[in-house]
């Protein structure tokens, strides 16, 4: 039995495999899966959640590593931020490693997991804009078998988790493409993002993909800005842009994510947030093209 904020969960199950975890969730529809527990504990301690049952995922070794599969990296949902921040992982998916390193202080990075970041879907989740820019997909294990869907469908609620389902893996295409992640926080050092930007320059598809986090309930893709800047890049040449073009791109992204309201002046906080997004987007594009 596990106790949170003075109240105990009635049932705690500790499966050792994905199949056992799915069975446990199917048997207890009200159960809450927990891996690192960083977001769960915050919700419990603030009184927002009182789980009657928990399914602990810490003993499931198959979701704590990664493997290569058909030109993609198949990441276990139990990968911690600390593990993803290491150099070997950074060589694989640099933007996700950068997001993992910025996820918070060491105790959060050591406990928090990729799957928890996705399942909680907090607007400030650092991994989320990276996964959107990389066009990742999630593999869900459930009573009816596995199914795969774009991570964006899960985050936006277009295709939510079904009863008994568990986020098992994340599939990310392995790109020979520059990618960056930048964030702004309200204080020095690791902290929750005020705004974040993930950006990929994909020569194979001649695309620039940008995703902005923390400014809305889900990561935002400024598609028109992506298409505009991709049209400026000489994909057969040096793939460089003038500083003025990077600045214009940043302003384009910021205006798309924090738009003007007809007849209403933007409040100072929104104006400052727009400036922050513009600066992050400009810097991210410049770094990716450097």
C-alpha atoms as a PDB file:
ATOM      1  CA  UNK A   1       0.000   0.000   0.000  1.00  0.00           C
ATOM      2  CA  UNK A   2       1.252   3.483  -0.861  1.00  0.00           C
ATOM      3  CA  UNK A   3       0.301   6.655   0.993  1.00  0.00           C
ATOM      4  CA  UNK A   4      -0.021  10.124  -0.582  1.00  0.00           C
ATOM      5  CA  UNK A   5      -0.702  13.344   1.318  1.00  0.00           C
ATOM      6  CA  UNK A   6      -2.095  11.457   4.274  1.00  0.00           C
ATOM      7  CA  UNK A   7      -4.430   9.234   2.254  1.00  0.00           C
ATOM      8  CA  UNK A   8      -3.688   5.688   1.095  1.00  0.00           C
ATOM      9  CA  UNK A   9      -4.404   4.089  -2.241  1.00  0.00           C
ATOM     10  CA  UNK A  10      -6.558   1.028  -1.598  1.00  0.00           C
ATOM     11  CA  UNK A  11      -4.780  -1.136  -4.192  1.00  0.00           C
ATOM     12  CA  UNK A  12      -1.238  -1.029  -5.521  1.00  0.00           C
ATOM     13  CA  UNK A  13      -0.202  -3.464  -8.254  1.00  0.00           C
ATOM     14  CA  UNK A  14       3.411  -3.875  -9.372  1.00  0.00           C
ATOM     15  CA  UNK A  15       3.421  -5.789 -12.676  1.00  0.00           C
ATOM     16  CA  UNK A  16       6.673  -7.021 -14.194  1.00  0.00           C
ATOM     17  CA  UNK A  17       5.540  -6.977 -17.842  1.00  0.00           C
ATOM     18  CA  UNK A  18       3.387  -4.914 -20.173  1.00  0.00           C
ATOM     19  CA  UNK A  19       0.855  -7.729 -20.433  1.00  0.00           C
ATOM     20  CA  UNK A  20       0.481  -7.840 -16.649  1.00  0.00           C
ATOM     21  CA  UNK A  21       0.083  -4.071 -16.530  1.00  0.00           C
ATOM     22  CA  UNK A  22      -2.652  -4.126 -19.174  1.00  0.00           C
ATOM     23  CA  UNK A  23      -4.433  -6.910 -17.282  1.00  0.00           C
ATOM     24  CA  UNK A  24      -4.249  -4.907 -14.071  1.00  0.00           C
ATOM     25  CA  UNK A  25      -5.674  -1.797 -15.714  1.00  0.00           C
ATOM     26  CA  UNK A  26      -8.448  -3.814 -17.330  1.00  0.00           C
ATOM     27  CA  UNK A  27      -9.331  -5.341 -13.966  1.00  0.00           C
ATOM     28  CA  UNK A  28      -9.298  -1.950 -12.196  1.00  0.00           C
ATOM     29  CA  UNK A  29     -10.669   0.719 -14.568  1.00  0.00           C
ATOM     30  CA  UNK A  30     -10.161   3.438 -11.956  1.00  0.00           C
ATOM     31  CA  UNK A  31      -6.478   2.598 -11.457  1.00  0.00           C
ATOM     32  CA  UNK A  32      -3.856   5.201 -12.302  1.00  0.00           C
ATOM     33  CA  UNK A  33      -0.578   4.067 -13.959  1.00  0.00           C
ATOM     34  CA  UNK A  34       2.483   5.553 -12.290  1.00  0.00           C
ATOM     35  CA  UNK A  35       6.148   5.460 -13.277  1.00  0.00           C
ATOM     36  CA  UNK A  36       8.252   8.339 -11.931  1.00  0.00           C
ATOM     37  CA  UNK A  37       5.277   9.874 -10.179  1.00  0.00           C
ATOM     38  CA  UNK A  38       6.536  13.463 -10.435  1.00  0.00           C
ATOM     39  CA  UNK A  39       3.311  14.847 -11.920  1.00  0.00           C
ATOM     40  CA  UNK A  40       1.101  12.420  -9.995  1.00  0.00           C
ATOM     41  CA  UNK A  41       2.554  13.462  -6.672  1.00  0.00           C
ATOM     42  CA  UNK A  42       2.068  17.128  -7.498  1.00  0.00           C
ATOM     43  CA  UNK A  43      -1.596  16.476  -8.330  1.00  0.00           C
ATOM     44  CA  UNK A  44      -2.116  14.424  -5.179  1.00  0.00           C
ATOM     45  CA  UNK A  45      -0.415  16.901  -2.892  1.00  0.00           C
ATOM     46  CA  UNK A  46      -2.467  19.757  -4.333  1.00  0.00           C
ATOM     47  CA  UNK A  47      -5.686  17.821  -3.764  1.00  0.00           C
ATOM     48  CA  UNK A  48      -6.511  17.453  -7.456  1.00  0.00           C
ATOM     49  CA  UNK A  49      -6.237  13.658  -7.457  1.00  0.00           C
ATOM     50  CA  UNK A  50      -6.954  10.882  -4.952  1.00  0.00           C
ATOM     51  CA  UNK A  51      -6.274   7.598  -6.759  1.00  0.00           C
ATOM     52  CA  UNK A  52      -8.109   4.611  -5.343  1.00  0.00           C
ATOM     53  CA  UNK A  53      -5.689   2.242  -7.079  1.00  0.00           C
ATOM     54  CA  UNK A  54      -2.238   2.457  -8.629  1.00  0.00           C
ATOM     55  CA  UNK A  55      -0.457   0.338 -11.210  1.00  0.00           C
ATOM     56  CA  UNK A  56       3.285   0.831 -10.765  1.00  0.00           C
ATOM     57  CA  UNK A  57       5.337   0.569 -13.942  1.00  0.00           C
ATOM     58  CA  UNK A  58       8.823   0.700 -12.447  1.00  0.00           C
ATOM     59  CA  UNK A  59       9.459  -3.042 -12.730  1.00  0.00           C
ATOM     60  CA  UNK A  60       8.675  -3.300 -16.458  1.00  0.00           C
ATOM     61  CA  UNK A  61      12.142  -3.456 -18.006  1.00  0.00           C
ATOM     62  CA  UNK A  62      10.888  -3.596 -21.601  1.00  0.00           C
ATOM     63  CA  UNK A  63       9.741   0.053 -21.503  1.00  0.00           C
ATOM     64  CA  UNK A  64      12.907   1.468 -19.936  1.00  0.00           C
ATOM     65  CA  UNK A  65      15.227   1.309 -22.953  1.00  0.00           C
ATOM     66  CA  UNK A  66      15.193   1.870 -26.696  1.00  0.00           C
ATOM     67  CA  UNK A  67      15.873   0.000 -29.898  1.00  0.00           C
ATOM     68  CA  UNK A  68      16.108   0.609 -33.641  1.00  0.00           C
ATOM     69  CA  UNK A  69      13.202  -0.467 -35.828  1.00  0.00           C
ATOM     70  CA  UNK A  70      12.716   0.275 -39.541  1.00  0.00           C
ATOM     71  CA  UNK A  71      14.574   3.569 -39.653  1.00  0.00           C
ATOM     72  CA  UNK A  72      13.132   4.794 -36.388  1.00  0.00           C
ATOM     73  CA  UNK A  73      13.972   4.781 -32.719  1.00  0.00           C
ATOM     74  CA  UNK A  74      11.494   2.897 -30.570  1.00  0.00           C
ATOM     75  CA  UNK A  75      11.668   4.492 -27.133  1.00  0.00           C
ATOM     76  CA  UNK A  76      10.207   2.893 -24.041  1.00  0.00           C
ATOM     77  CA  UNK A  77       7.717   5.065 -22.188  1.00  0.00           C
ATOM     78  CA  UNK A  78       9.672   4.418 -18.988  1.00  0.00           C
ATOM     79  CA  UNK A  79      12.819   6.184 -20.197  1.00  0.00           C
ATOM     80  CA  UNK A  80      13.774   8.835 -17.655  1.00  0.00           C
ATOM     81  CA  UNK A  81      14.772  12.370 -18.529  1.00  0.00           C
ATOM     82  CA  UNK A  82      18.187  11.698 -16.990  1.00  0.00           C
ATOM     83  CA  UNK A  83      18.769   8.733 -19.322  1.00  0.00           C
ATOM     84  CA  UNK A  84      17.640  10.669 -22.380  1.00  0.00           C
ATOM     85  CA  UNK A  85      19.982  13.492 -21.486  1.00  0.00           C
ATOM     86  CA  UNK A  86      23.131  11.364 -21.790  1.00  0.00           C
ATOM     87  CA  UNK A  87      25.559  11.804 -24.715  1.00  0.00           C
ATOM     88  CA  UNK A  88      24.739   8.496 -26.442  1.00  0.00           C
ATOM     89  CA  UNK A  89      21.053   9.416 -26.599  1.00  0.00           C
ATOM     90  CA  UNK A  90      21.878  12.988 -27.607  1.00  0.00           C
ATOM     91  CA  UNK A  91      23.721  11.609 -30.635  1.00  0.00           C
ATOM     92  CA  UNK A  92      20.503   9.803 -31.593  1.00  0.00           C
ATOM     93  CA  UNK A  93      17.855  12.506 -31.038  1.00  0.00           C
ATOM     94  CA  UNK A  94      19.568  15.772 -30.062  1.00  0.00           C
ATOM     95  CA  UNK A  95      16.454  17.902 -29.582  1.00  0.00           C
ATOM     96  CA  UNK A  96      14.808  15.390 -27.259  1.00  0.00           C
ATOM     97  CA  UNK A  97      18.012  15.066 -25.256  1.00  0.00           C
ATOM     98  CA  UNK A  98      18.171  18.857 -24.893  1.00  0.00           C
ATOM     99  CA  UNK A  99      14.570  18.909 -23.673  1.00  0.00           C
ATOM    100  CA  UNK A 100      15.297  16.113 -21.193  1.00  0.00           C
ATOM    101  CA  UNK A 101      18.295  17.963 -19.769  1.00  0.00           C
ATOM    102  CA  UNK A 102      16.169  21.032 -19.159  1.00  0.00           C
ATOM    103  CA  UNK A 103      13.235  19.176 -17.572  1.00  0.00           C
ATOM    104  CA  UNK A 104      14.031  20.308 -14.024  1.00  0.00           C
ATOM    105  CA  UNK A 105      16.388  19.661 -11.138  1.00  0.00           C
ATOM    106  CA  UNK A 106      18.202  16.300 -10.858  1.00  0.00           C
ATOM    107  CA  UNK A 107      15.545  14.670  -8.674  1.00  0.00           C
ATOM    108  CA  UNK A 108      12.903  15.388 -11.334  1.00  0.00           C
ATOM    109  CA  UNK A 109      15.100  14.232 -14.228  1.00  0.00           C
ATOM    110  CA  UNK A 110      16.012  11.021 -12.401  1.00  0.00           C
ATOM    111  CA  UNK A 111      12.368  10.096 -11.741  1.00  0.00           C
ATOM    112  CA  UNK A 112      10.303  11.689 -14.509  1.00  0.00           C
ATOM    113  CA  UNK A 113       9.699   9.668 -17.668  1.00  0.00           C
ATOM    114  CA  UNK A 114       8.961  10.255 -21.333  1.00  0.00           C
ATOM    115  CA  UNK A 115       5.643   8.436 -21.047  1.00  0.00           C
ATOM    116  CA  UNK A 116       4.639  10.476 -18.025  1.00  0.00           C
ATOM    117  CA  UNK A 117       5.363  13.703 -19.903  1.00  0.00           C
ATOM    118  CA  UNK A 118       3.045  12.584 -22.699  1.00  0.00           C
ATOM    119  CA  UNK A 119       0.297  11.059 -20.569  1.00  0.00           C
ATOM    120  CA  UNK A 120       0.084  14.061 -18.247  1.00  0.00           C
ATOM    121  CA  UNK A 121       0.142  16.372 -21.278  1.00  0.00           C
ATOM    122  CA  UNK A 122       0.947  19.444 -19.198  1.00  0.00           C
ATOM    123  CA  UNK A 123       1.358  22.481 -21.484  1.00  0.00           C
ATOM    124  CA  UNK A 124       4.862  23.010 -20.067  1.00  0.00           C
ATOM    125  CA  UNK A 125       6.016  19.445 -20.794  1.00  0.00           C
ATOM    126  CA  UNK A 126       9.414  19.909 -22.436  1.00  0.00           C
ATOM    127  CA  UNK A 127       9.303  16.742 -24.544  1.00  0.00           C
ATOM    128  CA  UNK A 128       5.967  17.563 -26.171  1.00  0.00           C
ATOM    129  CA  UNK A 129       6.994  20.227 -28.738  1.00  0.00           C
ATOM    130  CA  UNK A 130       9.997  18.090 -29.687  1.00  0.00           C
ATOM    131  CA  UNK A 131       7.804  15.075 -30.359  1.00  0.00           C
ATOM    132  CA  UNK A 132       5.434  17.240 -32.403  1.00  0.00           C
ATOM    133  CA  UNK A 133       8.263  18.683 -34.526  1.00  0.00           C
ATOM    134  CA  UNK A 134       9.733  15.210 -35.075  1.00  0.00           C
ATOM    135  CA  UNK A 135       6.251  13.897 -35.975  1.00  0.00           C
ATOM    136  CA  UNK A 136       6.533  11.075 -33.482  1.00  0.00           C
ATOM    137  CA  UNK A 137       3.904   8.428 -32.903  1.00  0.00           C
ATOM    138  CA  UNK A 138       2.901   6.528 -29.779  1.00  0.00           C
ATOM    139  CA  UNK A 139       2.224   2.819 -29.399  1.00  0.00           C
ATOM    140  CA  UNK A 140      -0.524   1.996 -26.949  1.00  0.00           C
ATOM    141  CA  UNK A 141      -0.869  -1.452 -25.387  1.00  0.00           C
ATOM    142  CA  UNK A 142      -4.398  -2.486 -24.482  1.00  0.00           C
ATOM    143  CA  UNK A 143      -6.799  -5.386 -23.982  1.00  0.00           C
ATOM    144  CA  UNK A 144      -7.548  -5.454 -27.728  1.00  0.00           C
ATOM    145  CA  UNK A 145      -3.860  -5.404 -28.711  1.00  0.00           C
ATOM    146  CA  UNK A 146      -1.463  -2.650 -29.705  1.00  0.00           C
ATOM    147  CA  UNK A 147      -2.335   0.380 -31.779  1.00  0.00           C
ATOM    148  CA  UNK A 148      -0.218   3.246 -33.070  1.00  0.00           C
ATOM    149  CA  UNK A 149      -1.229   6.860 -33.614  1.00  0.00           C
ATOM    150  CA  UNK A 150       0.430  10.259 -34.033  1.00  0.00           C
ATOM    151  CA  UNK A 151       1.400  11.785 -30.718  1.00  0.00           C
ATOM    152  CA  UNK A 152      -0.517  14.914 -31.719  1.00  0.00           C
ATOM    153  CA  UNK A 153      -3.772  12.902 -31.861  1.00  0.00           C
ATOM    154  CA  UNK A 154      -3.253  11.761 -28.286  1.00  0.00           C
ATOM    155  CA  UNK A 155      -2.315  15.205 -26.977  1.00  0.00           C
ATOM    156  CA  UNK A 156      -5.251  16.984 -28.607  1.00  0.00           C
ATOM    157  CA  UNK A 157      -7.796  14.354 -27.575  1.00  0.00           C
ATOM    158  CA  UNK A 158      -8.567  13.387 -31.176  1.00  0.00           C
ATOM    159  CA  UNK A 159      -7.817   9.783 -30.228  1.00  0.00           C
ATOM    160  CA  UNK A 160      -7.522   9.467 -26.431  1.00  0.00           C
ATOM    161  CA  UNK A 161      -6.460   6.485 -24.360  1.00  0.00           C
ATOM    162  CA  UNK A 162      -9.158   3.845 -24.188  1.00  0.00           C
ATOM    163  CA  UNK A 163     -10.071   1.954 -21.006  1.00  0.00           C
ATOM    164  CA  UNK A 164      -7.303  -0.439 -20.052  1.00  0.00           C
ATOM    165  CA  UNK A 165      -4.766   1.079 -22.452  1.00  0.00           C
ATOM    166  CA  UNK A 166      -1.237   1.982 -21.482  1.00  0.00           C
ATOM    167  CA  UNK A 167       1.325   4.146 -23.265  1.00  0.00           C
ATOM    168  CA  UNK A 168       4.102   1.668 -24.030  1.00  0.00           C
ATOM    169  CA  UNK A 169       6.456   3.099 -26.668  1.00  0.00           C
ATOM    170  CA  UNK A 170       7.204   6.215 -28.683  1.00  0.00           C
ATOM    171  CA  UNK A 171       8.354   5.845 -32.280  1.00  0.00           C
ATOM    172  CA  UNK A 172      10.553   8.657 -33.628  1.00  0.00           C
ATOM    173  CA  UNK A 173      11.896   8.705 -37.205  1.00  0.00           C
ATOM    174  CA  UNK A 174      15.694   8.867 -37.187  1.00  0.00           C
ATOM    175  CA  UNK A 175      16.547  11.940 -39.220  1.00  0.00           C
ATOM    176  CA  UNK A 176      19.874  13.043 -40.635  1.00  0.00           C
ATOM    177  CA  UNK A 177      18.616  16.547 -40.018  1.00  0.00           C
ATOM    178  CA  UNK A 178      19.569  19.456 -37.758  1.00  0.00           C
ATOM    179  CA  UNK A 179      17.226  19.817 -34.811  1.00  0.00           C
ATOM    180  CA  UNK A 180      17.135  22.154 -31.842  1.00  0.00           C
ATOM    181  CA  UNK A 181      15.186  22.758 -28.644  1.00  0.00           C
ATOM    182  CA  UNK A 182      15.172  26.034 -26.739  1.00  0.00           C
ATOM    183  CA  UNK A 183      13.093  27.212 -23.810  1.00  0.00           C
ATOM    184  CA  UNK A 184      12.622  30.294 -21.684  1.00  0.00           C
ATOM    185  CA  UNK A 185      11.858  30.016 -17.973  1.00  0.00           C
ATOM    186  CA  UNK A 186      10.861  32.512 -15.361  1.00  0.00           C
ATOM    187  CA  UNK A 187      14.078  32.008 -13.426  1.00  0.00           C
ATOM    188  CA  UNK A 188      17.728  31.087 -13.801  1.00  0.00           C
ATOM    189  CA  UNK A 189      18.454  27.386 -14.244  1.00  0.00           C
ATOM    190  CA  UNK A 190      16.081  24.492 -14.962  1.00  0.00           C
ATOM    191  CA  UNK A 191      12.437  25.307 -14.462  1.00  0.00           C
ATOM    192  CA  UNK A 192       9.004  25.253 -16.045  1.00  0.00           C
ATOM    193  CA  UNK A 193       8.903  26.779 -19.487  1.00  0.00           C
ATOM    194  CA  UNK A 194       7.293  30.132 -20.146  1.00  0.00           C
ATOM    195  CA  UNK A 195       7.705  29.224 -23.802  1.00  0.00           C
ATOM    196  CA  UNK A 196       9.666  26.598 -25.694  1.00  0.00           C
ATOM    197  CA  UNK A 197      10.482  25.933 -29.342  1.00  0.00           C
ATOM    198  CA  UNK A 198      11.547  22.740 -31.090  1.00  0.00           C
ATOM    199  CA  UNK A 199      12.690  23.023 -34.690  1.00  0.00           C
ATOM    200  CA  UNK A 200      13.790  20.518 -37.341  1.00  0.00           C
ATOM    201  CA  UNK A 201      15.350  21.318 -40.706  1.00  0.00           C
ATOM    202  CA  UNK A 202      14.655  18.229 -42.824  1.00  0.00           C
ATOM    203  CA  UNK A 203      16.601  18.240 -46.111  1.00  0.00           C
ATOM    204  CA  UNK A 204      15.175  14.894 -47.252  1.00  0.00           C
ATOM    205  CA  UNK A 205      11.638  16.283 -47.277  1.00  0.00           C
ATOM    206  CA  UNK A 206      12.713  19.907 -47.822  1.00  0.00           C
ATOM    207  CA  UNK A 207      10.755  20.942 -44.763  1.00  0.00           C
ATOM    208  CA  UNK A 208      11.179  23.107 -41.718  1.00  0.00           C
ATOM    209  CA  UNK A 209       9.055  21.873 -38.833  1.00  0.00           C
ATOM    210  CA  UNK A 210       8.569  24.072 -35.791  1.00  0.00           C
ATOM    211  CA  UNK A 211       6.561  23.424 -32.649  1.00  0.00           C
ATOM    212  CA  UNK A 212       5.926  25.913 -29.860  1.00  0.00           C
ATOM    213  CA  UNK A 213       5.237  24.688 -26.338  1.00  0.00           C
ATOM    214  CA  UNK A 214       3.863  26.171 -23.100  1.00  0.00           C
ATOM    215  CA  UNK A 215       1.876  28.997 -24.716  1.00  0.00           C
ATOM    216  CA  UNK A 216      -1.274  26.914 -25.291  1.00  0.00           C
ATOM    217  CA  UNK A 217      -2.810  23.706 -23.903  1.00  0.00           C
ATOM    218  CA  UNK A 218      -1.013  21.682 -26.608  1.00  0.00           C
ATOM    219  CA  UNK A 219       2.083  22.326 -28.766  1.00  0.00           C
ATOM    220  CA  UNK A 220       1.368  24.589 -31.736  1.00  0.00           C
ATOM    221  CA  UNK A 221       2.669  24.047 -35.274  1.00  0.00           C
ATOM    222  CA  UNK A 222       2.803  27.347 -37.236  1.00  0.00           C
ATOM    223  CA  UNK A 223       2.366  25.630 -40.593  1.00  0.00           C
ATOM    224  CA  UNK A 224       2.273  28.752 -42.758  1.00  0.00           C
ATOM    225  CA  UNK A 225       5.497  30.039 -41.196  1.00  0.00           C
ATOM    226  CA  UNK A 226       7.123  26.628 -41.773  1.00  0.00           C
ATOM    227  CA  UNK A 227       6.138  26.614 -45.439  1.00  0.00           C
ATOM    228  CA  UNK A 228       7.221  30.218 -45.931  1.00  0.00           C
ATOM    229  CA  UNK A 229      10.721  29.758 -44.562  1.00  0.00           C
ATOM    230  CA  UNK A 230      11.199  26.405 -46.309  1.00  0.00           C
ATOM    231  CA  UNK A 231      10.559  28.225 -49.585  1.00  0.00           C
ATOM    232  CA  UNK A 232      13.453  30.584 -48.845  1.00  0.00           C
ATOM    233  CA  UNK A 233      16.045  27.877 -48.255  1.00  0.00           C
ATOM    234  CA  UNK A 234      18.340  26.767 -51.083  1.00  0.00           C
ATOM    235  CA  UNK A 235      18.021  23.029 -50.393  1.00  0.00           C
ATOM    236  CA  UNK A 236      20.575  22.147 -53.078  1.00  0.00           C
ATOM    237  CA  UNK A 237      23.102  24.683 -51.838  1.00  0.00           C
ATOM    238  CA  UNK A 238      24.417  25.862 -48.487  1.00  0.00           C
ATOM    239  CA  UNK A 239      20.981  25.947 -46.792  1.00  0.00           C
ATOM    240  CA  UNK A 240      21.707  29.301 -45.189  1.00  0.00           C
ATOM    241  CA  UNK A 241      19.474  32.315 -44.591  1.00  0.00           C
ATOM    242  CA  UNK A 242      20.131  35.975 -44.005  1.00  0.00           C
ATOM    243  CA  UNK A 243      19.652  37.129 -40.387  1.00  0.00           C
ATOM    244  CA  UNK A 244      16.708  39.235 -41.544  1.00  0.00           C
ATOM    245  CA  UNK A 245      14.907  36.115 -42.775  1.00  0.00           C
ATOM    246  CA  UNK A 246      15.443  34.352 -39.433  1.00  0.00           C
ATOM    247  CA  UNK A 247      14.081  37.400 -37.632  1.00  0.00           C
ATOM    248  CA  UNK A 248      11.036  37.518 -39.898  1.00  0.00           C
ATOM    249  CA  UNK A 249      10.455  33.821 -39.319  1.00  0.00           C
ATOM    250  CA  UNK A 250      10.510  34.342 -35.550  1.00  0.00           C
ATOM    251  CA  UNK A 251       7.949  37.126 -35.814  1.00  0.00           C
ATOM    252  CA  UNK A 252       5.793  35.018 -38.148  1.00  0.00           C
ATOM    253  CA  UNK A 253       5.803  32.109 -35.663  1.00  0.00           C
ATOM    254  CA  UNK A 254       5.060  34.361 -32.693  1.00  0.00           C
ATOM    255  CA  UNK A 255       2.151  36.090 -34.421  1.00  0.00           C
ATOM    256  CA  UNK A 256       0.687  32.722 -35.430  1.00  0.00           C
ATOM    257  CA  UNK A 257       0.892  31.342 -31.895  1.00  0.00           C
ATOM    258  CA  UNK A 258      -0.163  34.516 -30.077  1.00  0.00           C
ATOM    259  CA  UNK A 259      -2.436  36.222 -32.588  1.00  0.00           C
ATOM    260  CA  UNK A 260      -3.915  39.702 -32.446  1.00  0.00           C
ATOM    261  CA  UNK A 261      -7.529  39.980 -31.396  1.00  0.00           C
ATOM    262  CA  UNK A 262      -9.621  42.285 -33.602  1.00  0.00           C
ATOM    263  CA  UNK A 263     -10.392  45.506 -31.796  1.00  0.00           C
ATOM    264  CA  UNK A 264      -8.536  44.428 -28.654  1.00  0.00           C
ATOM    265  CA  UNK A 265      -5.039  45.480 -27.674  1.00  0.00           C
ATOM    266  CA  UNK A 266      -2.801  42.654 -26.537  1.00  0.00           C
ATOM    267  CA  UNK A 267      -2.082  42.854 -22.800  1.00  0.00           C
ATOM    268  CA  UNK A 268       1.546  43.515 -21.818  1.00  0.00           C
ATOM    269  CA  UNK A 269       2.070  39.905 -20.715  1.00  0.00           C
ATOM    270  CA  UNK A 270       0.974  38.620 -24.137  1.00  0.00           C
ATOM    271  CA  UNK A 271       3.202  41.145 -25.905  1.00  0.00           C
ATOM    272  CA  UNK A 272       6.175  39.971 -23.856  1.00  0.00           C
ATOM    273  CA  UNK A 273       5.328  36.316 -24.507  1.00  0.00           C
ATOM    274  CA  UNK A 274       5.154  37.027 -28.234  1.00  0.00           C
ATOM    275  CA  UNK A 275       8.610  38.612 -28.082  1.00  0.00           C
ATOM    276  CA  UNK A 276       9.918  35.560 -26.240  1.00  0.00           C
ATOM    277  CA  UNK A 277       8.504  33.150 -28.821  1.00  0.00           C
ATOM    278  CA  UNK A 278       9.898  35.273 -31.655  1.00  0.00           C
ATOM    279  CA  UNK A 279      13.369  35.282 -30.100  1.00  0.00           C
ATOM    280  CA  UNK A 280      13.351  31.536 -29.424  1.00  0.00           C
ATOM    281  CA  UNK A 281      12.144  30.741 -32.946  1.00  0.00           C
ATOM    282  CA  UNK A 282      14.737  33.012 -34.541  1.00  0.00           C
ATOM    283  CA  UNK A 283      17.539  31.487 -32.486  1.00  0.00           C
ATOM    284  CA  UNK A 284      16.350  27.917 -33.086  1.00  0.00           C
ATOM    285  CA  UNK A 285      16.291  28.404 -36.865  1.00  0.00           C
ATOM    286  CA  UNK A 286      19.687  30.083 -36.831  1.00  0.00           C
ATOM    287  CA  UNK A 287      21.237  27.244 -34.850  1.00  0.00           C
ATOM    288  CA  UNK A 288      19.697  24.570 -37.039  1.00  0.00           C
ATOM    289  CA  UNK A 289      21.046  26.234 -40.173  1.00  0.00           C
ATOM    290  CA  UNK A 290      24.489  27.008 -38.735  1.00  0.00           C
END
